[in-house]
PDB file of N, CA and C in Angstrom:
ATOM      1  N   UNK A   1      77.691  57.386 125.749  1.00  0.00           N
ATOM      2  CA  UNK A   1      77.049  57.379 124.461  1.00  0.00           C
ATOM      3  C   UNK A   1      76.767  55.958 123.990  1.00  0.00           C
ATOM      4  N   UNK A   2      77.662  55.026 124.339  1.00  0.00           N
ATOM      5  CA  UNK A   2      77.471  53.643 123.900  1.00  0.00           C
ATOM      6  C   UNK A   2      76.204  53.040 124.498  1.00  0.00           C
ATOM      7  N   UNK A   3      75.894  53.362 125.740  1.00  0.00           N
ATOM      8  CA  UNK A   3      74.701  52.811 126.391  1.00  0.00           C
ATOM      9  C   UNK A   3      73.444  53.386 125.750  1.00  0.00           C
ATOM     10  N   UNK A   4      73.465  54.655 125.436  1.00  0.00           N
ATOM     11  CA  UNK A   4      72.297  55.302 124.841  1.00  0.00           C
ATOM     12  C   UNK A   4      72.003  54.749 123.450  1.00  0.00           C
ATOM     13  N   UNK A   5      73.029  54.456 122.694  1.00  0.00           N
ATOM     14  CA  UNK A   5      72.810  53.996 121.323  1.00  0.00           C
ATOM     15  C   UNK A   5      72.670  52.477 121.205  1.00  0.00           C
ATOM     16  N   UNK A   6      72.640  51.762 122.338  1.00  0.00           N
ATOM     17  CA  UNK A   6      72.408  50.320 122.290  1.00  0.00           C
ATOM     18  C   UNK A   6      70.993  50.052 121.808  1.00  0.00           C
ATOM     19  N   UNK A   7      70.845  48.984 121.040  1.00  0.00           N
ATOM     20  CA  UNK A   7      69.512  48.627 120.564  1.00  0.00           C
ATOM     21  C   UNK A   7      68.651  48.148 121.727  1.00  0.00           C
ATOM     22  N   UNK A   8      67.356  48.158 121.523  1.00  0.00           N
ATOM     23  CA  UNK A   8      66.446  47.693 122.565  1.00  0.00           C
ATOM     24  C   UNK A   8      66.664  46.212 122.850  1.00  0.00           C
ATOM     25  N   UNK A   9      67.026  45.453 121.821  1.00  0.00           N
ATOM     26  CA  UNK A   9      67.279  44.021 121.997  1.00  0.00           C
ATOM     27  C   UNK A   9      68.468  43.766 122.916  1.00  0.00           C
ATOM     28  N   UNK A  10      69.404  44.746 122.964  1.00  0.00           N
ATOM     29  CA  UNK A  10      70.601  44.592 123.795  1.00  0.00           C
ATOM     30  C   UNK A  10      70.484  45.346 125.122  1.00  0.00           C
ATOM     31  N   UNK A  11      69.269  45.801 125.457  1.00  0.00           N
ATOM     32  CA  UNK A  11      69.038  46.428 126.748  1.00  0.00           C
ATOM     33  C   UNK A  11      69.143  47.940 126.779  1.00  0.00           C
ATOM     34  N   UNK A  12      69.319  48.584 125.644  1.00  0.00           N
ATOM     35  CA  UNK A  12      69.401  50.040 125.594  1.00  0.00           C
ATOM     36  C   UNK A  12      68.087  50.654 125.139  1.00  0.00           C
ATOM     37  N   UNK A  13      68.020  51.985 125.093  1.00  0.00           N
ATOM     38  CA  UNK A  13      66.797  52.661 124.663  1.00  0.00           C
ATOM     39  C   UNK A  13      66.619  52.687 123.137  1.00  0.00           C
ATOM     40  N   UNK A  14      67.646  52.335 122.382  1.00  0.00           N
ATOM     41  CA  UNK A  14      67.520  52.271 120.927  1.00  0.00           C
ATOM     42  C   UNK A  14      67.621  53.612 120.225  1.00  0.00           C
ATOM     43  N   UNK A  15      68.240  54.601 120.876  1.00  0.00           N
ATOM     44  CA  UNK A  15      68.414  55.913 120.262  1.00  0.00           C
ATOM     45  C   UNK A  15      69.599  55.841 119.303  1.00  0.00           C
ATOM     46  N   UNK A  16      69.386  56.285 118.078  1.00  0.00           N
ATOM     47  CA  UNK A  16      70.435  56.187 117.056  1.00  0.00           C
ATOM     48  C   UNK A  16      71.473  57.292 117.229  1.00  0.00           C
ATOM     49  N   UNK A  17      72.703  56.983 116.856  1.00  0.00           N
ATOM     50  CA  UNK A  17      73.811  57.929 116.896  1.00  0.00           C
ATOM     51  C   UNK A  17      73.668  58.871 115.695  1.00  0.00           C
ATOM     52  N   UNK A  18      73.350  60.129 115.951  1.00  0.00           N
ATOM     53  CA  UNK A  18      73.081  61.093 114.888  1.00  0.00           C
ATOM     54  C   UNK A  18      74.302  61.335 114.010  1.00  0.00           C
ATOM     55  N   UNK A  19      75.486  61.344 114.585  1.00  0.00           N
ATOM     56  CA  UNK A  19      76.699  61.555 113.789  1.00  0.00           C
ATOM     57  C   UNK A  19      76.880  60.428 112.775  1.00  0.00           C
ATOM     58  N   UNK A  20      76.686  59.190 113.210  1.00  0.00           N
ATOM     59  CA  UNK A  20      76.794  58.057 112.292  1.00  0.00           C
ATOM     60  C   UNK A  20      75.701  58.102 111.221  1.00  0.00           C
ATOM     61  N   UNK A  21      74.509  58.492 111.615  1.00  0.00           N
ATOM     62  CA  UNK A  21      73.403  58.592 110.650  1.00  0.00           C
ATOM     63  C   UNK A  21      73.707  59.666 109.602  1.00  0.00           C
ATOM     64  N   UNK A  22      74.277  60.794 110.026  1.00  0.00           N
ATOM     65  CA  UNK A  22      74.622  61.873 109.111  1.00  0.00           C
ATOM     66  C   UNK A  22      75.691  61.421 108.118  1.00  0.00           C
ATOM     67  N   UNK A  23      76.722  60.749 108.606  1.00  0.00           N
ATOM     68  CA  UNK A  23      77.780  60.249 107.725  1.00  0.00           C
ATOM     69  C   UNK A  23      77.208  59.239 106.733  1.00  0.00           C
ATOM     70  N   UNK A  24      76.317  58.382 107.192  1.00  0.00           N
ATOM     71  CA  UNK A  24      75.692  57.402 106.304  1.00  0.00           C
ATOM     72  C   UNK A  24      74.886  58.084 105.204  1.00  0.00           C
ATOM     73  N   UNK A  25      74.140  59.100 105.564  1.00  0.00           N
ATOM     74  CA  UNK A  25      73.336  59.822 104.584  1.00  0.00           C
ATOM     75  C   UNK A  25      74.221  60.552 103.572  1.00  0.00           C
ATOM     76  N   UNK A  26      75.276  61.201 104.039  1.00  0.00           N
ATOM     77  CA  UNK A  26      76.186  61.889 103.125  1.00  0.00           C
ATOM     78  C   UNK A  26      76.864  60.906 102.178  1.00  0.00           C
ATOM     79  N   UNK A  27      77.229  59.730 102.661  1.00  0.00           N
ATOM     80  CA  UNK A  27      77.824  58.699 101.799  1.00  0.00           C
ATOM     81  C   UNK A  27      76.815  58.230 100.747  1.00  0.00           C
ATOM     82  N   UNK A  28      75.581  58.094 101.153  1.00  0.00           N
ATOM     83  CA  UNK A  28      74.541  57.685 100.203  1.00  0.00           C
ATOM     84  C   UNK A  28      74.369  58.740  99.115  1.00  0.00           C
ATOM     85  N   UNK A  29      74.347  60.010  99.489  1.00  0.00           N
ATOM     86  CA  UNK A  29      74.214  61.081  98.492  1.00  0.00           C
ATOM     87  C   UNK A  29      75.408  61.109  97.559  1.00  0.00           C
ATOM     88  N   UNK A  30      76.614  60.913  98.106  1.00  0.00           N
ATOM     89  CA  UNK A  30      77.831  60.885  97.292  1.00  0.00           C
ATOM     90  C   UNK A  30      77.716  59.757  96.260  1.00  0.00           C
ATOM     91  N   UNK A  31      77.293  58.556  96.731  1.00  0.00           N
ATOM     92  CA  UNK A  31      77.157  57.411  95.834  1.00  0.00           C
ATOM     93  C   UNK A  31      76.134  57.717  94.734  1.00  0.00           C
ATOM     94  N   UNK A  32      74.991  58.286  95.099  1.00  0.00           N
ATOM     95  CA  UNK A  32      73.958  58.622  94.115  1.00  0.00           C
ATOM     96  C   UNK A  32      74.475  59.656  93.120  1.00  0.00           C
ATOM     97  N   UNK A  33      75.279  60.577  93.582  1.00  0.00           N
ATOM     98  CA  UNK A  33      75.834  61.595  92.695  1.00  0.00           C
ATOM     99  C   UNK A  33      76.739  60.968  91.644  1.00  0.00           C
ATOM    100  N   UNK A  34      77.490  59.955  92.042  1.00  0.00           N
ATOM    101  CA  UNK A  34      78.420  59.317  91.109  1.00  0.00           C
ATOM    102  C   UNK A  34      77.784  58.233  90.245  1.00  0.00           C
ATOM    103  N   UNK A  35      76.694  57.609  90.693  1.00  0.00           N
ATOM    104  CA  UNK A  35      76.179  56.429  90.012  1.00  0.00           C
ATOM    105  C   UNK A  35      74.780  56.562  89.414  1.00  0.00           C
ATOM    106  N   UNK A  36      74.043  57.592  89.752  1.00  0.00           N
ATOM    107  CA  UNK A  36      72.683  57.726  89.247  1.00  0.00           C
ATOM    108  C   UNK A  36      72.532  58.999  88.425  1.00  0.00           C
ATOM    109  N   UNK A  37      71.503  59.013  87.595  1.00  0.00           N
ATOM    110  CA  UNK A  37      71.192  60.184  86.777  1.00  0.00           C
ATOM    111  C   UNK A  37      69.796  60.652  87.179  1.00  0.00           C
ATOM    112  N   UNK A  38      69.678  61.938  87.469  1.00  0.00           N
ATOM    113  CA  UNK A  38      68.391  62.491  87.863  1.00  0.00           C
ATOM    114  C   UNK A  38      68.467  64.007  87.942  1.00  0.00           C
ATOM    115  N   UNK A  39      67.364  64.614  88.352  1.00  0.00           N
ATOM    116  CA  UNK A  39      67.307  66.068  88.420  1.00  0.00           C
ATOM    117  C   UNK A  39      68.302  66.611  89.454  1.00  0.00           C
ATOM    118  N   UNK A  40      68.354  65.992  90.631  1.00  0.00           N
ATOM    119  CA  UNK A  40      69.267  66.462  91.674  1.00  0.00           C
ATOM    120  C   UNK A  40      70.711  66.387  91.202  1.00  0.00           C
ATOM    121  N   UNK A  41      71.070  65.286  90.566  1.00  0.00           N
ATOM    122  CA  UNK A  41      72.426  65.121  90.072  1.00  0.00           C
ATOM    123  C   UNK A  41      72.739  66.139  88.980  1.00  0.00           C
ATOM    124  N   UNK A  42      71.763  66.440  88.128  1.00  0.00           N
ATOM    125  CA  UNK A  42      71.958  67.441  87.079  1.00  0.00           C
ATOM    126  C   UNK A  42      72.216  68.831  87.644  1.00  0.00           C
ATOM    127  N   UNK A  43      71.464  69.178  88.670  1.00  0.00           N
ATOM    128  CA  UNK A  43      71.627  70.499  89.297  1.00  0.00           C
ATOM    129  C   UNK A  43      73.004  70.605  89.963  1.00  0.00           C
ATOM    130  N   UNK A  44      73.383  69.586  90.715  1.00  0.00           N
ATOM    131  CA  UNK A  44      74.688  69.592  91.396  1.00  0.00           C
ATOM    132  C   UNK A  44      75.814  69.615  90.371  1.00  0.00           C
ATOM    133  N   UNK A  45      75.654  68.838  89.308  1.00  0.00           N
ATOM    134  CA  UNK A  45      76.682  68.810  88.267  1.00  0.00           C
ATOM    135  C   UNK A  45      76.847  70.187  87.625  1.00  0.00           C
ATOM    136  N   UNK A  46      75.747  70.849  87.321  1.00  0.00           N
ATOM    137  CA  UNK A  46      75.818  72.167  86.686  1.00  0.00           C
ATOM    138  C   UNK A  46      76.390  73.228  87.626  1.00  0.00           C
ATOM    139  N   UNK A  47      76.017  73.170  88.906  1.00  0.00           N
ATOM    140  CA  UNK A  47      76.433  74.212  89.839  1.00  0.00           C
ATOM    141  C   UNK A  47      77.844  74.007  90.380  1.00  0.00           C
ATOM    142  N   UNK A  48      78.202  72.774  90.723  1.00  0.00           N
ATOM    143  CA  UNK A  48      79.456  72.540  91.421  1.00  0.00           C
ATOM    144  C   UNK A  48      80.493  71.763  90.615  1.00  0.00           C
ATOM    145  N   UNK A  49      80.059  70.768  89.853  1.00  0.00           N
ATOM    146  CA  UNK A  49      81.015  69.868  89.220  1.00  0.00           C
ATOM    147  C   UNK A  49      81.483  70.326  87.851  1.00  0.00           C
ATOM    148  N   UNK A  50      80.577  70.891  87.079  1.00  0.00           N
ATOM    149  CA  UNK A  50      80.887  71.313  85.704  1.00  0.00           C
ATOM    150  C   UNK A  50      81.566  70.172  84.943  1.00  0.00           C
ATOM    151  N   UNK A  51      80.904  68.996  84.996  1.00  0.00           N
ATOM    152  CA  UNK A  51      81.343  67.769  84.321  1.00  0.00           C
ATOM    153  C   UNK A  51      82.679  67.243  84.829  1.00  0.00           C
ATOM    154  N   UNK A  52      83.060  67.625  86.028  1.00  0.00           N
ATOM    155  CA  UNK A  52      84.275  67.105  86.649  1.00  0.00           C
ATOM    156  C   UNK A  52      83.874  65.985  87.612  1.00  0.00           C
ATOM    157  N   UNK A  53      84.813  65.218  88.070  1.00  0.00           N
ATOM    158  CA  UNK A  53      84.554  64.163  89.036  1.00  0.00           C
ATOM    159  C   UNK A  53      84.438  64.784  90.421  1.00  0.00           C
ATOM    160  N   UNK A  54      83.496  64.307  91.224  1.00  0.00           N
ATOM    161  CA  UNK A  54      83.269  64.870  92.556  1.00  0.00           C
ATOM    162  C   UNK A  54      84.514  64.741  93.434  1.00  0.00           C
ATOM    163  N   UNK A  55      85.339  63.740  93.204  1.00  0.00           N
ATOM    164  CA  UNK A  55      86.557  63.555  93.999  1.00  0.00           C
ATOM    165  C   UNK A  55      87.592  64.653  93.752  1.00  0.00           C
ATOM    166  N   UNK A  56      87.509  65.315  92.613  1.00  0.00           N
ATOM    167  CA  UNK A  56      88.495  66.338  92.245  1.00  0.00           C
ATOM    168  C   UNK A  56      88.074  67.758  92.605  1.00  0.00           C
ATOM    169  N   UNK A  57      86.845  67.947  93.071  1.00  0.00           N
ATOM    170  CA  UNK A  57      86.316  69.276  93.363  1.00  0.00           C
ATOM    171  C   UNK A  57      86.888  69.790  94.675  1.00  0.00           C
ATOM    172  N   UNK A  58      87.271  71.050  94.698  1.00  0.00           N
ATOM    173  CA  UNK A  58      87.803  71.693  95.907  1.00  0.00           C
ATOM    174  C   UNK A  58      86.712  72.530  96.562  1.00  0.00           C
ATOM    175  N   UNK A  59      86.753  72.596  97.865  1.00  0.00           N
ATOM    176  CA  UNK A  59      85.787  73.394  98.630  1.00  0.00           C
ATOM    177  C   UNK A  59      86.052  74.883  98.418  1.00  0.00           C
ATOM    178  N   UNK A  60      84.958  75.648  98.214  1.00  0.00           N
ATOM    179  CA  UNK A  60      85.049  77.106  98.096  1.00  0.00           C
ATOM    180  C   UNK A  60      84.268  77.744  99.249  1.00  0.00           C
ATOM    181  N   UNK A  61      84.611  78.954  99.610  1.00  0.00           N
ATOM    182  CA  UNK A  61      83.984  79.607 100.756  1.00  0.00           C
ATOM    183  C   UNK A  61      82.500  79.893 100.545  1.00  0.00           C
ATOM    184  N   UNK A  62      82.018  79.986  99.317  1.00  0.00           N
ATOM    185  CA  UNK A  62      80.609  80.289  99.076  1.00  0.00           C
ATOM    186  C   UNK A  62      79.763  79.041  98.779  1.00  0.00           C
ATOM    187  N   UNK A  63      80.319  77.852  99.025  1.00  0.00           N
ATOM    188  CA  UNK A  63      79.561  76.615  98.838  1.00  0.00           C
ATOM    189  C   UNK A  63      78.453  76.522  99.889  1.00  0.00           C
ATOM    190  N   UNK A  64      77.376  75.836  99.536  1.00  0.00           N
ATOM    191  CA  UNK A  64      76.289  75.640 100.487  1.00  0.00           C
ATOM    192  C   UNK A  64      76.764  74.727 101.621  1.00  0.00           C
ATOM    193  N   UNK A  65      76.126  74.817 102.783  1.00  0.00           N
ATOM    194  CA  UNK A  65      76.522  73.945 103.903  1.00  0.00           C
ATOM    195  C   UNK A  65      76.405  72.455 103.564  1.00  0.00           C
ATOM    196  N   UNK A  66      75.372  72.086 102.831  1.00  0.00           N
ATOM    197  CA  UNK A  66      75.204  70.682 102.456  1.00  0.00           C
ATOM    198  C   UNK A  66      76.342  70.229 101.549  1.00  0.00           C
ATOM    199  N   UNK A  67      76.696  71.045 100.562  1.00  0.00           N
ATOM    200  CA  UNK A  67      77.786  70.683  99.662  1.00  0.00           C
ATOM    201  C   UNK A  67      79.107  70.617 100.411  1.00  0.00           C
ATOM    202  N   UNK A  68      79.323  71.532 101.329  1.00  0.00           N
ATOM    203  CA  UNK A  68      80.549  71.516 102.133  1.00  0.00           C
ATOM    204  C   UNK A  68      80.648  70.229 102.947  1.00  0.00           C
ATOM    205  N   UNK A  69      79.535  69.800 103.547  1.00  0.00           N
ATOM    206  CA  UNK A  69      79.531  68.552 104.299  1.00  0.00           C
ATOM    207  C   UNK A  69      79.786  67.366 103.386  1.00  0.00           C
ATOM    208  N   UNK A  70      79.224  67.391 102.204  1.00  0.00           N
ATOM    209  CA  UNK A  70      79.400  66.296 101.260  1.00  0.00           C
ATOM    210  C   UNK A  70      80.858  66.158 100.842  1.00  0.00           C
ATOM    211  N   UNK A  71      81.532  67.306 100.659  1.00  0.00           N
ATOM    212  CA  UNK A  71      82.949  67.263 100.311  1.00  0.00           C
ATOM    213  C   UNK A  71      83.769  66.793 101.481  1.00  0.00           C
TER     214      UNK A  71
END
């Protein structure tokens, strides 16, 4: 996997590690949820947080796959 994800400058094909990209994206969404105000944040707050902090929310069996990954 290390050879495949090497950059072209370092002699690899430059294919990105999807797992790392997914974690990066989820971290970005988490940060936006805590620090920005917008329609997406309002919807998530109303559906899942109910004005609670995202760090205190517990996973439920009927949560969406995206929300489960975010938690």
